[in-house]
Protein backbone atom coordinates (compact mmCIF):
# COMPACT_ATOMS: atom_id res chain seq x y z
CA MET A 1 -46.20 -19.99 19.24
CA ALA A 2 -45.53 -17.59 21.89
CA ARG A 3 -47.43 -14.52 22.12
CA PRO A 4 -45.84 -11.48 21.14
CA LEU A 5 -43.49 -9.60 23.61
CA ASP A 6 -44.23 -5.98 24.25
CA THR A 7 -41.56 -3.26 23.93
CA ASP A 8 -41.55 -2.59 27.65
CA THR A 9 -40.51 -6.20 28.67
CA VAL A 10 -37.84 -6.54 26.00
CA VAL A 11 -36.28 -3.22 27.16
CA ALA A 12 -36.45 -4.21 30.75
CA PHE A 13 -34.96 -7.50 30.14
CA LYS A 14 -32.27 -5.49 28.87
CA ARG A 15 -32.00 -3.03 31.47
CA ASP A 16 -32.59 -4.91 34.83
CA GLY A 17 -31.51 -8.48 33.19
CA ALA A 18 -34.43 -10.24 34.35
CA VAL A 19 -38.49 -10.10 33.73
CA CYS A 20 -41.53 -12.17 34.57
CA LEU A 21 -43.57 -13.80 31.89
CA ARG A 22 -46.90 -14.68 33.16
CA GLY A 23 -48.35 -18.06 31.47
CA VAL A 24 -46.11 -18.53 28.99
CA PHE A 25 -45.61 -22.31 29.66
CA SER A 26 -48.85 -23.51 31.17
CA GLU A 27 -49.58 -26.46 28.85
CA TRP A 28 -45.77 -27.63 29.82
CA ILE A 29 -46.21 -27.96 33.43
CA ASP A 30 -47.43 -31.71 33.42
CA THR A 31 -44.82 -32.60 30.73
CA LEU A 32 -42.19 -30.87 33.04
CA ALA A 33 -43.20 -32.23 36.11
CA GLU A 34 -42.93 -36.11 34.58
CA GLY A 35 -39.64 -35.21 33.46
CA VAL A 36 -38.62 -34.13 37.08
CA GLU A 37 -40.09 -37.34 38.61
CA ARG A 38 -38.14 -39.52 36.13
CA ASN A 39 -34.84 -37.38 36.78
CA GLU A 40 -35.18 -38.06 40.49
CA ILE A 41 -35.64 -41.85 39.90
CA GLU A 42 -32.95 -41.96 37.18
CA PRO A 43 -30.68 -39.43 38.47
CA SER A 44 -27.30 -38.43 36.15
CA SER A 45 -24.05 -38.27 37.87
CA ALA A 46 -23.95 -34.55 38.14
CA PHE A 47 -26.85 -35.30 40.95
CA ALA A 48 -26.27 -33.26 44.18
CA GLU A 49 -27.96 -33.07 47.62
CA ASN A 50 -27.35 -29.45 48.71
CA VAL A 51 -28.08 -29.71 52.55
CA PRO A 52 -25.48 -29.67 54.65
CA THR A 53 -25.26 -32.38 57.38
CA GLY A 54 -27.39 -32.52 60.33
CA GLU A 55 -29.64 -29.79 58.81
CA ARG A 56 -33.26 -30.54 58.14
CA GLY A 57 -35.11 -31.12 54.87
CA ARG A 58 -33.74 -32.06 51.43
CA PHE A 59 -32.93 -29.83 48.30
CA TRP A 60 -31.38 -31.67 45.20
CA ASP A 61 -30.44 -30.56 41.92
CA ASP A 62 -29.31 -32.11 38.61
CA TYR A 63 -28.61 -31.05 35.06
CA CYS A 64 -27.58 -31.63 31.36
CA ASN A 65 -30.50 -34.52 31.10
CA TRP A 66 -32.37 -33.21 27.89
CA ASN A 67 -30.81 -35.89 25.66
CA ARG A 68 -32.02 -38.78 28.12
CA ILE A 69 -35.39 -37.42 29.52
CA PRO A 70 -37.69 -37.06 26.73
CA ALA A 71 -39.96 -34.59 28.32
CA PHE A 72 -37.02 -32.23 28.64
CA GLU A 73 -36.25 -32.60 25.20
CA ARG A 74 -39.84 -31.89 23.97
CA PHE A 75 -39.76 -28.96 26.21
CA ALA A 76 -36.68 -27.67 24.92
CA PHE A 77 -37.44 -28.14 20.98
CA GLU A 78 -41.09 -27.78 20.81
CA SER A 79 -42.09 -25.17 23.52
CA ALA A 80 -42.06 -21.34 23.01
CA ALA A 81 -38.87 -20.99 24.94
CA ALA A 82 -36.48 -20.75 21.85
CA GLU A 83 -38.90 -17.92 20.25
CA LEU A 84 -39.23 -16.06 23.56
CA ALA A 85 -35.55 -16.13 24.06
CA ALA A 86 -34.94 -14.81 20.60
CA GLY A 87 -37.36 -12.07 21.37
CA LEU A 88 -35.78 -10.81 24.55
CA MET A 89 -32.32 -11.42 23.63
CA GLN A 90 -32.92 -9.50 20.18
CA ALA A 91 -30.92 -12.73 18.53
CA GLU A 92 -31.49 -14.22 15.23
CA THR A 93 -30.32 -17.53 16.51
CA VAL A 94 -30.63 -19.51 19.67
CA GLN A 95 -28.97 -22.57 20.96
CA LEU A 96 -29.51 -24.94 23.76
CA PHE A 97 -27.07 -24.63 26.62
CA HIS A 98 -28.18 -26.99 28.98
CA ASP A 99 -31.38 -27.70 31.50
CA HIS A 100 -31.52 -27.74 35.19
CA VAL A 101 -34.06 -29.12 37.78
CA LEU A 102 -33.93 -27.74 41.49
CA VAL A 103 -36.10 -29.06 44.06
CA LYS A 104 -36.51 -28.12 47.65
CA GLU A 105 -38.73 -30.30 49.63
CA PRO A 106 -40.97 -28.86 52.51
CA ALA A 107 -39.36 -28.16 55.75
CA THR A 108 -35.99 -27.09 53.94
CA PRO A 109 -34.27 -23.94 55.36
CA THR A 110 -31.32 -24.19 53.26
CA LEU A 111 -30.87 -21.08 51.15
CA THR A 112 -29.59 -20.85 47.47
CA PRO A 113 -26.65 -18.74 48.02
CA TRP A 114 -26.48 -15.31 45.82
CA HIS A 115 -24.57 -15.94 42.58
CA SER A 116 -24.41 -15.25 39.08
CA ASP A 117 -24.20 -18.22 36.72
CA ARG A 118 -22.03 -16.58 34.19
CA PRO A 119 -18.44 -17.32 36.03
CA TYR A 120 -19.48 -21.09 36.12
CA TYR A 121 -20.16 -21.38 32.53
CA PHE A 122 -17.61 -21.61 29.56
CA VAL A 123 -19.89 -19.47 27.40
CA ASP A 124 -20.00 -15.65 27.44
CA GLY A 125 -21.73 -12.64 25.46
CA THR A 126 -24.34 -10.29 25.77
CA GLN A 127 -27.22 -12.62 24.41
CA THR A 128 -27.77 -15.47 27.01
CA ILE A 129 -30.80 -16.25 28.89
CA SER A 130 -32.14 -19.08 31.38
CA PHE A 131 -36.09 -19.32 31.98
CA TRP A 132 -36.89 -20.31 35.70
CA ILE A 133 -40.26 -22.32 35.43
CA PRO A 134 -41.76 -23.19 38.94
CA LEU A 135 -44.03 -26.21 39.01
CA ASP A 136 -45.79 -25.31 41.86
CA PRO A 137 -46.77 -21.99 43.21
CA VAL A 138 -44.03 -19.84 44.75
CA SER A 139 -44.85 -16.97 47.12
CA THR A 140 -42.22 -13.91 47.58
CA ASP A 141 -40.67 -15.75 50.67
CA THR A 142 -40.10 -18.83 48.13
CA THR A 143 -39.29 -17.56 44.99
CA LEU A 144 -36.08 -16.74 43.09
CA ARG A 145 -34.83 -13.32 43.77
CA LEU A 146 -32.44 -11.30 41.25
CA ILE A 147 -30.46 -8.36 42.00
CA ALA A 148 -31.52 -5.91 39.12
CA GLY A 149 -28.72 -4.69 36.47
CA SER A 150 -26.00 -6.92 38.11
CA HIS A 151 -25.54 -8.45 34.75
CA ARG A 152 -23.78 -4.93 33.91
CA TRP A 153 -21.56 -4.96 36.91
CA GLU A 154 -17.86 -4.40 36.21
CA ARG A 155 -16.48 -7.86 37.38
CA ASP A 156 -18.68 -11.03 37.94
CA VAL A 157 -19.66 -12.09 41.32
CA LEU A 158 -17.32 -14.50 43.11
CA PRO A 159 -18.29 -18.27 42.22
CA VAL A 160 -18.47 -20.39 45.09
CA LYS A 161 -19.41 -24.05 45.88
CA TRP A 162 -22.80 -24.30 47.21
CA LEU A 163 -22.35 -26.82 49.86
CA ALA A 164 -18.86 -26.24 50.90
CA GLY A 165 -19.06 -22.58 50.22
CA ASP A 166 -15.34 -22.29 49.51
CA ASP A 167 -14.05 -20.49 46.23
CA PHE A 168 -14.79 -22.19 42.97
CA TYR A 169 -11.80 -20.81 41.43
CA PRO A 170 -8.37 -19.45 42.74
CA ASN A 171 -7.98 -15.77 42.22
CA ALA A 172 -10.87 -14.37 44.35
CA ASP A 173 -9.64 -10.89 43.71
CA ASP A 174 -10.66 -11.12 40.22
CA TYR A 175 -14.41 -10.99 41.37
CA LEU A 176 -16.60 -8.91 43.26
CA PRO A 177 -17.55 -10.31 46.92
CA VAL A 178 -20.88 -12.17 47.06
CA PRO A 179 -23.19 -9.38 47.98
CA ASP A 180 -25.78 -9.39 50.65
CA PRO A 181 -28.77 -7.50 49.45
CA ASP A 182 -30.80 -8.26 52.86
CA ALA A 183 -27.90 -6.38 55.04
CA ASP A 184 -27.80 -3.57 52.37
CA PRO A 185 -31.17 -3.20 51.30
CA ASP A 186 -30.49 0.55 50.23
CA GLN A 187 -27.71 -0.52 47.60
CA PHE A 188 -29.39 -3.21 45.68
CA GLU A 189 -32.78 -3.54 43.71
CA VAL A 190 -34.24 -7.00 43.97
CA LEU A 191 -36.50 -8.30 41.80
CA GLU A 192 -38.85 -11.25 43.17
CA TRP A 193 -42.37 -12.16 42.13
CA ALA A 194 -44.97 -14.70 43.29
CA LEU A 195 -45.38 -17.26 40.48
CA GLU A 196 -48.01 -19.67 39.35
CA PRO A 197 -47.15 -22.68 37.53
CA GLY A 198 -46.65 -21.73 33.90
CA ASP A 199 -45.13 -18.52 34.88
CA ALA A 200 -41.54 -17.98 34.29
CA VAL A 201 -38.63 -15.63 35.01
CA ALA A 202 -36.19 -15.03 32.25
CA PHE A 203 -32.63 -13.86 33.26
CA ASP A 204 -29.07 -12.99 31.86
CA PHE A 205 -26.42 -15.43 32.92
CA GLY A 206 -24.65 -12.67 34.60
CA VAL A 207 -27.82 -11.64 36.84
CA CYS A 208 -26.84 -12.35 40.60
CA HIS A 209 -29.55 -14.20 42.41
CA GLY A 210 -30.48 -16.75 44.91
CA SER A 211 -33.44 -17.73 47.02
CA ARG A 212 -34.66 -18.36 50.45
CA GLY A 213 -35.22 -21.70 52.25
CA ASN A 214 -38.67 -23.59 51.96
CA PRO A 215 -39.50 -23.62 55.14
CA GLY A 216 -43.39 -24.55 54.76
CA GLY A 217 -45.39 -27.54 53.82
CA ALA A 218 -45.12 -27.89 50.08
CA ARG A 219 -42.63 -28.77 47.46
CA ARG A 220 -40.88 -26.06 45.43
CA ARG A 221 -40.21 -27.74 41.99
CA ALA A 222 -38.36 -25.53 39.31
CA PHE A 223 -36.92 -26.45 36.07
CA SER A 224 -34.52 -24.01 33.97
CA LEU A 225 -33.64 -24.03 30.49
CA ARG A 226 -30.50 -22.05 29.44
CA LEU A 227 -29.91 -20.54 25.98
CA PHE A 228 -27.73 -18.35 24.27
CA GLY A 229 -27.76 -16.35 20.96
CA ASP A 230 -25.82 -14.76 18.27
CA ASP A 231 -22.73 -13.10 20.07
CA ALA A 232 -22.03 -15.92 22.57
CA ARG A 233 -18.52 -17.69 22.39
CA TYR A 234 -16.61 -20.12 24.15
CA VAL A 235 -14.17 -18.62 26.87
CA SER A 236 -12.02 -20.61 29.24
CA ARG A 237 -12.11 -20.27 32.87
CA PRO A 238 -9.41 -20.90 35.57
CA GLY A 239 -10.69 -24.15 36.36
CA PRO A 240 -13.19 -26.99 35.66
CA THR A 241 -16.56 -25.30 34.62
CA SER A 242 -20.13 -26.23 35.88
CA PRO A 243 -21.50 -27.98 33.94
CA PRO A 244 -18.07 -29.22 33.01
CA PHE A 245 -18.44 -30.79 29.45
CA PRO A 246 -15.16 -32.47 29.27
CA GLU A 247 -13.21 -32.95 26.03
CA HIS A 248 -15.39 -30.42 24.15
CA GLY A 249 -12.60 -29.25 22.20
CA MET A 250 -13.36 -25.53 21.64
CA SER A 251 -10.87 -22.71 21.75
CA ASP A 252 -11.47 -19.00 23.29
CA GLY A 253 -13.66 -17.43 20.74
CA ASP A 254 -15.49 -20.19 19.19
CA ARG A 255 -18.92 -20.56 18.90
CA LEU A 256 -20.25 -23.56 20.84
CA ARG A 257 -20.44 -26.85 18.60
CA PRO A 258 -23.66 -27.51 17.54
CA ASP A 259 -23.58 -31.26 17.83
CA TRP A 260 -23.64 -30.89 21.61
CA PHE A 261 -25.55 -27.49 21.69
CA PRO A 262 -28.09 -27.74 18.90
CA TYR A 263 -29.52 -24.72 17.42
CA LEU A 264 -33.40 -24.36 18.13
CA ILE A 265 -33.54 -21.21 15.92
CA GLY A 266 -31.45 -20.50 13.02
CA GLY A 267 -27.94 -21.87 12.51
CA PRO A 268 -25.11 -22.16 9.85
């Protein structure tokens, strides 16, 4: 059972779109590490290498593996993630969207570009949440970075393809340009926390985030779990989404089908 969330944390999540939760998943780190190891040995078709040709290091990611990697399934269904999500989102129901593993090996200078997840997804609503859980200690030099309040911007940030850098969808004018908080620090409030294994950053799908490279001598393994609540609905996008989930059969305004996106709390 999750320890109770204090009012200030819930308020901060709604205002900033992101909060740091200390020690909430400490007992699950070995389980998740086991799952990441298996994921690397047995990658899915979504597995991607994200270091440009000719650059040093290795940065890989993979997603949507909870139903084939038991460690990820146990975490999704047995950890306190759903209970914490319900409290932060102020939701009565919680559904599982997908899992995501991101690993930056030592001496990898490749950045994770600034982006928000929402425009890549076919789900939208005010009750959405990702847990970013480091399996290794991370400093403020290698941690997740998030722009406070960006989930409430008038438009989403332009989605781009990570490795190629080109636009993910047509009609770039429908989106805000990708921001550069380091070039204009007075315009943006960047949230970044040093983290220990078991800590988590919880953030809304609409929050713009990214991270620096990992030039040091230690791995940076992170596991993410994406969940959504009562008001989340299917929304069509101007092209294939990421993750794609082909042949889902849903229409705009539908709740996401529970046989693919199971309820962790509540349900019909």
